[in-house]
């Protein structure tokens, strides 16, 4: 899912439940490429995708760097834009 992530939306998002077990909801930000949040049963973590080329092969990595509500969405977005 791709949308503008806000504190209000993030407070309301819950992880999906499959066969009685909570899963993960991955949401990508509409305004900042590579920035997103993973909503799990116990925490909501901000991440940024980045890519690098090693020996001619493109390698994509997801770097988890903060959790909500310790960081607001705006703080996390600002930090993600530095990566």
PDB file of N, CA and C in Angstrom:
ATOM      1  N   UNK A   1       0.853  -1.169   0.000  1.00  0.00           N
ATOM      2  CA  UNK A   1       0.000   0.000   0.000  1.00  0.00           C
ATOM      3  C   UNK A   1       0.901   1.235   0.000  1.00  0.00           C
ATOM      4  N   UNK A   2       0.524   2.241  -0.773  1.00  0.00           N
ATOM      5  CA  UNK A   2       1.281   3.487  -0.854  1.00  0.00           C
ATOM      6  C   UNK A   2       0.341   4.647  -0.535  1.00  0.00           C
ATOM      7  N   UNK A   3       0.698   5.434   0.486  1.00  0.00           N
ATOM      8  CA  UNK A   3      -0.121   6.553   0.919  1.00  0.00           C
ATOM      9  C   UNK A   3       0.766   7.564   1.639  1.00  0.00           C
ATOM     10  N   UNK A   4       0.243   8.729   1.920  1.00  0.00           N
ATOM     11  CA  UNK A   4       0.991   9.678   2.733  1.00  0.00           C
ATOM     12  C   UNK A   4       0.869   9.217   4.182  1.00  0.00           C
ATOM     13  N   UNK A   5       1.998   8.883   4.784  1.00  0.00           N
ATOM     14  CA  UNK A   5       2.004   8.404   6.162  1.00  0.00           C
ATOM     15  C   UNK A   5       1.927   9.604   7.102  1.00  0.00           C
ATOM     16  N   UNK A   6       0.998   9.541   8.061  1.00  0.00           N
ATOM     17  CA  UNK A   6       0.863  10.585   9.079  1.00  0.00           C
ATOM     18  C   UNK A   6       0.792   9.922  10.448  1.00  0.00           C
ATOM     19  N   UNK A   7       1.044  10.700  11.503  1.00  0.00           N
ATOM     20  CA  UNK A   7       0.946  10.171  12.864  1.00  0.00           C
ATOM     21  C   UNK A   7      -0.456   9.642  13.144  1.00  0.00           C
ATOM     22  N   UNK A   8      -1.466  10.389  12.720  1.00  0.00           N
ATOM     23  CA  UNK A   8      -2.856   9.985  12.974  1.00  0.00           C
ATOM     24  C   UNK A   8      -3.183   8.657  12.291  1.00  0.00           C
ATOM     25  N   UNK A   9      -2.782   8.509  11.037  1.00  0.00           N
ATOM     26  CA  UNK A   9      -3.038   7.254  10.323  1.00  0.00           C
ATOM     27  C   UNK A   9      -2.276   6.103  10.974  1.00  0.00           C
ATOM     28  N   UNK A  10      -1.034   6.362  11.348  1.00  0.00           N
ATOM     29  CA  UNK A  10      -0.193   5.313  11.914  1.00  0.00           C
ATOM     30  C   UNK A  10      -0.739   4.811  13.249  1.00  0.00           C
ATOM     31  N   UNK A  11      -1.315   5.707  14.054  1.00  0.00           N
ATOM     32  CA  UNK A  11      -1.933   5.281  15.315  1.00  0.00           C
ATOM     33  C   UNK A  11      -3.072   4.290  15.065  1.00  0.00           C
ATOM     34  N   UNK A  12      -3.789   4.467  13.966  1.00  0.00           N
ATOM     35  CA  UNK A  12      -4.967   3.640  13.670  1.00  0.00           C
ATOM     36  C   UNK A  12      -4.649   2.329  12.954  1.00  0.00           C
ATOM     37  N   UNK A  13      -3.534   2.255  12.238  1.00  0.00           N
ATOM     38  CA  UNK A  13      -3.223   1.058  11.470  1.00  0.00           C
ATOM     39  C   UNK A  13      -2.913  -0.121  12.377  1.00  0.00           C
ATOM     40  N   UNK A  14      -3.494  -1.257  12.074  1.00  0.00           N
ATOM     41  CA  UNK A  14      -3.290  -2.503  12.816  1.00  0.00           C
ATOM     42  C   UNK A  14      -2.766  -3.558  11.852  1.00  0.00           C
ATOM     43  N   UNK A  15      -1.987  -4.509  12.371  1.00  0.00           N
ATOM     44  CA  UNK A  15      -1.502  -5.576  11.488  1.00  0.00           C
ATOM     45  C   UNK A  15      -2.646  -6.503  11.096  1.00  0.00           C
ATOM     46  N   UNK A  16      -2.548  -7.136   9.920  1.00  0.00           N
ATOM     47  CA  UNK A  16      -3.578  -8.092   9.523  1.00  0.00           C
ATOM     48  C   UNK A  16      -3.500  -9.347  10.391  1.00  0.00           C
ATOM     49  N   UNK A  17      -4.600 -10.062  10.495  1.00  0.00           N
ATOM     50  CA  UNK A  17      -4.633 -11.310  11.258  1.00  0.00           C
ATOM     51  C   UNK A  17      -4.986 -12.434  10.299  1.00  0.00           C
ATOM     52  N   UNK A  18      -4.122 -13.454  10.245  1.00  0.00           N
ATOM     53  CA  UNK A  18      -4.344 -14.625   9.395  1.00  0.00           C
ATOM     54  C   UNK A  18      -4.344 -15.874  10.257  1.00  0.00           C
ATOM     55  N   UNK A  19      -5.417 -16.630  10.220  1.00  0.00           N
ATOM     56  CA  UNK A  19      -5.550 -17.841  11.027  1.00  0.00           C
ATOM     57  C   UNK A  19      -5.295 -17.572  12.505  1.00  0.00           C
ATOM     58  N   UNK A  20      -5.756 -16.425  12.984  1.00  0.00           N
ATOM     59  CA  UNK A  20      -5.607 -16.072  14.385  1.00  0.00           C
ATOM     60  C   UNK A  20      -4.241 -15.538  14.766  1.00  0.00           C
ATOM     61  N   UNK A  21      -3.318 -15.455  13.813  1.00  0.00           N
ATOM     62  CA  UNK A  21      -1.968 -14.959  14.095  1.00  0.00           C
ATOM     63  C   UNK A  21      -1.760 -13.611  13.419  1.00  0.00           C
ATOM     64  N   UNK A  22      -1.208 -12.633  14.165  1.00  0.00           N
ATOM     65  CA  UNK A  22      -0.973 -11.323  13.546  1.00  0.00           C
ATOM     66  C   UNK A  22       0.156 -11.386  12.528  1.00  0.00           C
ATOM     67  N   UNK A  23      -0.017 -10.659  11.451  1.00  0.00           N
ATOM     68  CA  UNK A  23       1.004 -10.574  10.414  1.00  0.00           C
ATOM     69  C   UNK A  23       1.655  -9.206  10.451  1.00  0.00           C
ATOM     70  N   UNK A  24       2.134  -8.764   9.300  1.00  0.00           N
ATOM     71  CA  UNK A  24       2.749  -7.450   9.187  1.00  0.00           C
ATOM     72  C   UNK A  24       2.082  -6.671   8.064  1.00  0.00           C
ATOM     73  N   UNK A  25       1.908  -5.392   8.298  1.00  0.00           N
ATOM     74  CA  UNK A  25       1.368  -4.484   7.303  1.00  0.00           C
ATOM     75  C   UNK A  25       2.508  -3.561   6.881  1.00  0.00           C
ATOM     76  N   UNK A  26       2.865  -3.580   5.602  1.00  0.00           N
ATOM     77  CA  UNK A  26       3.933  -2.741   5.075  1.00  0.00           C
ATOM     78  C   UNK A  26       3.293  -1.593   4.297  1.00  0.00           C
ATOM     79  N   UNK A  27       3.641  -0.369   4.685  1.00  0.00           N
ATOM     80  CA  UNK A  27       3.072   0.810   4.044  1.00  0.00           C
ATOM     81  C   UNK A  27       4.217   1.689   3.553  1.00  0.00           C
ATOM     82  N   UNK A  28       4.160   2.077   2.279  1.00  0.00           N
ATOM     83  CA  UNK A  28       5.175   2.936   1.679  1.00  0.00           C
ATOM     84  C   UNK A  28       4.640   4.352   1.599  1.00  0.00           C
ATOM     85  N   UNK A  29       5.536   5.313   1.806  1.00  0.00           N
ATOM     86  CA  UNK A  29       5.156   6.719   1.773  1.00  0.00           C
ATOM     87  C   UNK A  29       5.007   7.210   0.336  1.00  0.00           C
ATOM     88  N   UNK A  30       3.964   7.958   0.099  1.00  0.00           N
ATOM     89  CA  UNK A  30       3.683   8.504  -1.230  1.00  0.00           C
ATOM     90  C   UNK A  30       4.634   9.651  -1.587  1.00  0.00           C
ATOM     91  N   UNK A  31       5.147  10.353  -0.555  1.00  0.00           N
ATOM     92  CA  UNK A  31       5.931  11.561  -0.804  1.00  0.00           C
ATOM     93  C   UNK A  31       7.442  11.348  -0.819  1.00  0.00           C
ATOM     94  N   UNK A  32       7.942  10.286  -0.184  1.00  0.00           N
ATOM     95  CA  UNK A  32       9.386  10.057  -0.111  1.00  0.00           C
ATOM     96  C   UNK A  32       9.685   8.626  -0.558  1.00  0.00           C
ATOM     97  N   UNK A  33      10.282   8.490  -1.715  1.00  0.00           N
ATOM     98  CA  UNK A  33      10.598   7.183  -2.282  1.00  0.00           C
ATOM     99  C   UNK A  33      11.514   6.403  -1.351  1.00  0.00           C
ATOM    100  N   UNK A  34      11.160   5.154  -1.086  1.00  0.00           N
ATOM    101  CA  UNK A  34      11.968   4.265  -0.263  1.00  0.00           C
ATOM    102  C   UNK A  34      11.621   4.288   1.209  1.00  0.00           C
ATOM    103  N   UNK A  35      10.842   5.273   1.655  1.00  0.00           N
ATOM    104  CA  UNK A  35      10.475   5.402   3.070  1.00  0.00           C
ATOM    105  C   UNK A  35       9.174   4.679   3.342  1.00  0.00           C
ATOM    106  N   UNK A  36       9.125   3.986   4.479  1.00  0.00           N
ATOM    107  CA  UNK A  36       7.899   3.291   4.826  1.00  0.00           C
ATOM    108  C   UNK A  36       7.866   2.897   6.284  1.00  0.00           C
ATOM    109  N   UNK A  37       6.807   2.193   6.634  1.00  0.00           N
ATOM    110  CA  UNK A  37       6.623   1.725   8.001  1.00  0.00           C
ATOM    111  C   UNK A  37       6.108   0.294   7.961  1.00  0.00           C
ATOM    112  N   UNK A  38       6.580  -0.506   8.910  1.00  0.00           N
ATOM    113  CA  UNK A  38       6.120  -1.883   9.070  1.00  0.00           C
ATOM    114  C   UNK A  38       5.313  -1.932  10.356  1.00  0.00           C
ATOM    115  N   UNK A  39       4.034  -2.286  10.239  1.00  0.00           N
ATOM    116  CA  UNK A  39       3.143  -2.354  11.391  1.00  0.00           C
ATOM    117  C   UNK A  39       3.018  -3.813  11.794  1.00  0.00           C
ATOM    118  N   UNK A  40       3.529  -4.125  12.977  1.00  0.00           N
ATOM    119  CA  UNK A  40       3.462  -5.486  13.502  1.00  0.00           C
ATOM    120  C   UNK A  40       2.594  -5.531  14.748  1.00  0.00           C
ATOM    121  N   UNK A  41       2.497  -6.695  15.349  1.00  0.00           N
ATOM    122  CA  UNK A  41       1.666  -6.870  16.532  1.00  0.00           C
ATOM    123  C   UNK A  41       2.200  -6.098  17.732  1.00  0.00           C
ATOM    124  N   UNK A  42       3.540  -5.979  17.837  1.00  0.00           N
ATOM    125  CA  UNK A  42       4.129  -5.359  19.016  1.00  0.00           C
ATOM    126  C   UNK A  42       4.753  -3.994  18.766  1.00  0.00           C
ATOM    127  N   UNK A  43       5.090  -3.683  17.526  1.00  0.00           N
ATOM    128  CA  UNK A  43       5.723  -2.396  17.261  1.00  0.00           C
ATOM    129  C   UNK A  43       5.470  -1.919  15.842  1.00  0.00           C
ATOM    130  N   UNK A  44       5.739  -0.641  15.640  1.00  0.00           N
ATOM    131  CA  UNK A  44       5.621   0.002  14.332  1.00  0.00           C
ATOM    132  C   UNK A  44       6.985   0.606  14.022  1.00  0.00           C
ATOM    133  N   UNK A  45       7.671   0.059  13.029  1.00  0.00           N
ATOM    134  CA  UNK A  45       9.052   0.436  12.726  1.00  0.00           C
ATOM    135  C   UNK A  45       9.153   1.172  11.402  1.00  0.00           C
ATOM    136  N   UNK A  46       9.918   2.267  11.411  1.00  0.00           N
ATOM    137  CA  UNK A  46      10.193   3.007  10.186  1.00  0.00           C
ATOM    138  C   UNK A  46      11.387   2.392   9.475  1.00  0.00           C
ATOM    139  N   UNK A  47      11.338   2.377   8.154  1.00  0.00           N
ATOM    140  CA  UNK A  47      12.455   1.851   7.374  1.00  0.00           C
ATOM    141  C   UNK A  47      12.666   2.705   6.137  1.00  0.00           C
ATOM    142  N   UNK A  48      13.832   2.512   5.540  1.00  0.00           N
ATOM    143  CA  UNK A  48      14.137   3.141   4.264  1.00  0.00           C
ATOM    144  C   UNK A  48      14.834   2.088   3.413  1.00  0.00           C
ATOM    145  N   UNK A  49      14.422   1.992   2.152  1.00  0.00           N
ATOM    146  CA  UNK A  49      15.093   1.105   1.204  1.00  0.00           C
ATOM    147  C   UNK A  49      16.210   1.883   0.537  1.00  0.00           C
ATOM    148  N   UNK A  50      17.316   1.245   0.357  1.00  0.00           N
ATOM    149  CA  UNK A  50      18.397   1.841  -0.406  1.00  0.00           C
ATOM    150  C   UNK A  50      19.003   0.760  -1.278  1.00  0.00           C
ATOM    151  N   UNK A  51      19.679   1.164  -2.314  1.00  0.00           N
ATOM    152  CA  UNK A  51      20.309   0.186  -3.197  1.00  0.00           C
ATOM    153  C   UNK A  51      21.765   0.554  -3.400  1.00  0.00           C
ATOM    154  N   UNK A  52      22.538  -0.452  -3.653  1.00  0.00           N
ATOM    155  CA  UNK A  52      23.948  -0.270  -3.945  1.00  0.00           C
ATOM    156  C   UNK A  52      24.332  -1.293  -4.996  1.00  0.00           C
ATOM    157  N   UNK A  53      25.421  -1.023  -5.682  1.00  0.00           N
ATOM    158  CA  UNK A  53      25.894  -1.943  -6.707  1.00  0.00           C
ATOM    159  C   UNK A  53      27.195  -2.578  -6.230  1.00  0.00           C
ATOM    160  N   UNK A  54      27.192  -3.912  -6.200  1.00  0.00           N
ATOM    161  CA  UNK A  54      28.367  -4.668  -5.787  1.00  0.00           C
ATOM    162  C   UNK A  54      28.706  -5.651  -6.894  1.00  0.00           C
ATOM    163  N   UNK A  55      29.906  -5.538  -7.429  1.00  0.00           N
ATOM    164  CA  UNK A  55      30.349  -6.418  -8.521  1.00  0.00           C
ATOM    165  C   UNK A  55      29.354  -6.428  -9.679  1.00  0.00           C
ATOM    166  N   UNK A  56      28.816  -5.262  -9.979  1.00  0.00           N
ATOM    167  CA  UNK A  56      27.898  -5.134 -11.102  1.00  0.00           C
ATOM    168  C   UNK A  56      26.469  -5.579 -10.825  1.00  0.00           C
ATOM    169  N   UNK A  57      26.177  -6.013  -9.594  1.00  0.00           N
ATOM    170  CA  UNK A  57      24.826  -6.454  -9.246  1.00  0.00           C
ATOM    171  C   UNK A  57      24.192  -5.445  -8.304  1.00  0.00           C
ATOM    172  N   UNK A  58      22.948  -5.106  -8.602  1.00  0.00           N
ATOM    173  CA  UNK A  58      22.217  -4.170  -7.756  1.00  0.00           C
ATOM    174  C   UNK A  58      21.675  -4.920  -6.546  1.00  0.00           C
ATOM    175  N   UNK A  59      21.910  -4.381  -5.370  1.00  0.00           N
ATOM    176  CA  UNK A  59      21.507  -5.006  -4.116  1.00  0.00           C
ATOM    177  C   UNK A  59      20.614  -4.034  -3.348  1.00  0.00           C
ATOM    178  N   UNK A  60      19.360  -4.418  -3.098  1.00  0.00           N
ATOM    179  CA  UNK A  60      18.434  -3.574  -2.330  1.00  0.00           C
ATOM    180  C   UNK A  60      18.410  -4.039  -0.888  1.00  0.00           C
ATOM    181  N   UNK A  61      18.482  -3.088   0.022  1.00  0.00           N
ATOM    182  CA  UNK A  61      18.454  -3.381   1.453  1.00  0.00           C
ATOM    183  C   UNK A  61      17.397  -2.524   2.127  1.00  0.00           C
ATOM    184  N   UNK A  62      16.789  -3.089   3.164  1.00  0.00           N
ATOM    185  CA  UNK A  62      15.839  -2.331   3.984  1.00  0.00           C
ATOM    186  C   UNK A  62      16.508  -2.044   5.320  1.00  0.00           C
ATOM    187  N   UNK A  63      16.662  -0.761   5.618  1.00  0.00           N
ATOM    188  CA  UNK A  63      17.306  -0.325   6.864  1.00  0.00           C
ATOM    189  C   UNK A  63      16.222   0.167   7.823  1.00  0.00           C
ATOM    190  N   UNK A  64      16.020  -0.557   8.936  1.00  0.00           N
ATOM    191  CA  UNK A  64      15.067  -0.144   9.971  1.00  0.00           C
ATOM    192  C   UNK A  64      15.819   0.776  10.918  1.00  0.00           C
ATOM    193  N   UNK A  65      15.288   1.975  11.155  1.00  0.00           N
ATOM    194  CA  UNK A  65      16.055   2.947  11.926  1.00  0.00           C
ATOM    195  C   UNK A  65      15.320   3.596  13.088  1.00  0.00           C
ATOM    196  N   UNK A  66      14.025   3.410  13.234  1.00  0.00           N
ATOM    197  CA  UNK A  66      13.298   4.058  14.332  1.00  0.00           C
ATOM    198  C   UNK A  66      11.956   3.373  14.540  1.00  0.00           C
ATOM    199  N   UNK A  67      11.355   3.638  15.699  1.00  0.00           N
ATOM    200  CA  UNK A  67      10.030   3.104  16.007  1.00  0.00           C
ATOM    201  C   UNK A  67       9.076   4.238  16.363  1.00  0.00           C
ATOM    202  N   UNK A  68       7.817   3.992  16.072  1.00  0.00           N
ATOM    203  CA  UNK A  68       6.740   4.908  16.430  1.00  0.00           C
ATOM    204  C   UNK A  68       6.187   4.430  17.770  1.00  0.00           C
ATOM    205  N   UNK A  69       5.906   5.262  18.734  1.00  0.00           N
ATOM    206  CA  UNK A  69       5.808   6.712  18.728  1.00  0.00           C
ATOM    207  C   UNK A  69       7.063   7.439  19.228  1.00  0.00           C
ATOM    208  N   UNK A  70       8.168   6.714  19.471  1.00  0.00           N
ATOM    209  CA  UNK A  70       9.396   7.386  19.913  1.00  0.00           C
ATOM    210  C   UNK A  70       9.820   8.449  18.895  1.00  0.00           C
ATOM    211  N   UNK A  71       9.617   8.163  17.617  1.00  0.00           N
ATOM    212  CA  UNK A  71       9.843   9.129  16.541  1.00  0.00           C
ATOM    213  C   UNK A  71       8.497   9.440  15.907  1.00  0.00           C
ATOM    214  N   UNK A  72       8.252  10.698  15.619  1.00  0.00           N
ATOM    215  CA  UNK A  72       7.050  11.049  14.856  1.00  0.00           C
ATOM    216  C   UNK A  72       7.316  10.715  13.390  1.00  0.00           C
ATOM    217  N   UNK A  73       6.271  10.712  12.595  1.00  0.00           N
ATOM    218  CA  UNK A  73       6.427  10.449  11.168  1.00  0.00           C
ATOM    219  C   UNK A  73       7.319  11.519  10.533  1.00  0.00           C
ATOM    220  N   UNK A  74       7.139  12.769  10.896  1.00  0.00           N
ATOM    221  CA  UNK A  74       7.957  13.844  10.314  1.00  0.00           C
ATOM    222  C   UNK A  74       9.427  13.702  10.685  1.00  0.00           C
ATOM    223  N   UNK A  75       9.720  13.321  11.929  1.00  0.00           N
ATOM    224  CA  UNK A  75      11.111  13.103  12.341  1.00  0.00           C
ATOM    225  C   UNK A  75      11.724  11.942  11.562  1.00  0.00           C
ATOM    226  N   UNK A  76      10.960  10.870  11.435  1.00  0.00           N
ATOM    227  CA  UNK A  76      11.453   9.689  10.711  1.00  0.00           C
ATOM    228  C   UNK A  76      11.631   9.997   9.221  1.00  0.00           C
ATOM    229  N   UNK A  77      10.701  10.744   8.640  1.00  0.00           N
ATOM    230  CA  UNK A  77      10.818  11.104   7.221  1.00  0.00           C
ATOM    231  C   UNK A  77      12.069  11.955   6.988  1.00  0.00           C
ATOM    232  N   UNK A  78      12.335  12.895   7.903  1.00  0.00           N
ATOM    233  CA  UNK A  78      13.531  13.744   7.773  1.00  0.00           C
ATOM    234  C   UNK A  78      14.802  12.903   7.865  1.00  0.00           C
ATOM    235  N   UNK A  79      14.827  11.959   8.794  1.00  0.00           N
ATOM    236  CA  UNK A  79      15.994  11.092   8.927  1.00  0.00           C
ATOM    237  C   UNK A  79      16.143  10.192   7.699  1.00  0.00           C
ATOM    238  N   UNK A  80      15.044   9.683   7.189  1.00  0.00           N
ATOM    239  CA  UNK A  80      15.088   8.804   6.011  1.00  0.00           C
ATOM    240  C   UNK A  80      15.598   9.554   4.777  1.00  0.00           C
ATOM    241  N   UNK A  81      15.261  10.827   4.682  1.00  0.00           N
ATOM    242  CA  UNK A  81      15.690  11.597   3.499  1.00  0.00           C
ATOM    243  C   UNK A  81      17.199  11.816   3.488  1.00  0.00           C
ATOM    244  N   UNK A  82      17.864  11.614   4.618  1.00  0.00           N
ATOM    245  CA  UNK A  82      19.322  11.754   4.697  1.00  0.00           C
ATOM    246  C   UNK A  82      20.048  10.504   4.209  1.00  0.00           C
ATOM    247  N   UNK A  83      19.332   9.383   4.116  1.00  0.00           N
ATOM    248  CA  UNK A  83      19.970   8.121   3.681  1.00  0.00           C
ATOM    249  C   UNK A  83      20.112   8.058   2.195  1.00  0.00           C
TER     250      UNK A  83
END
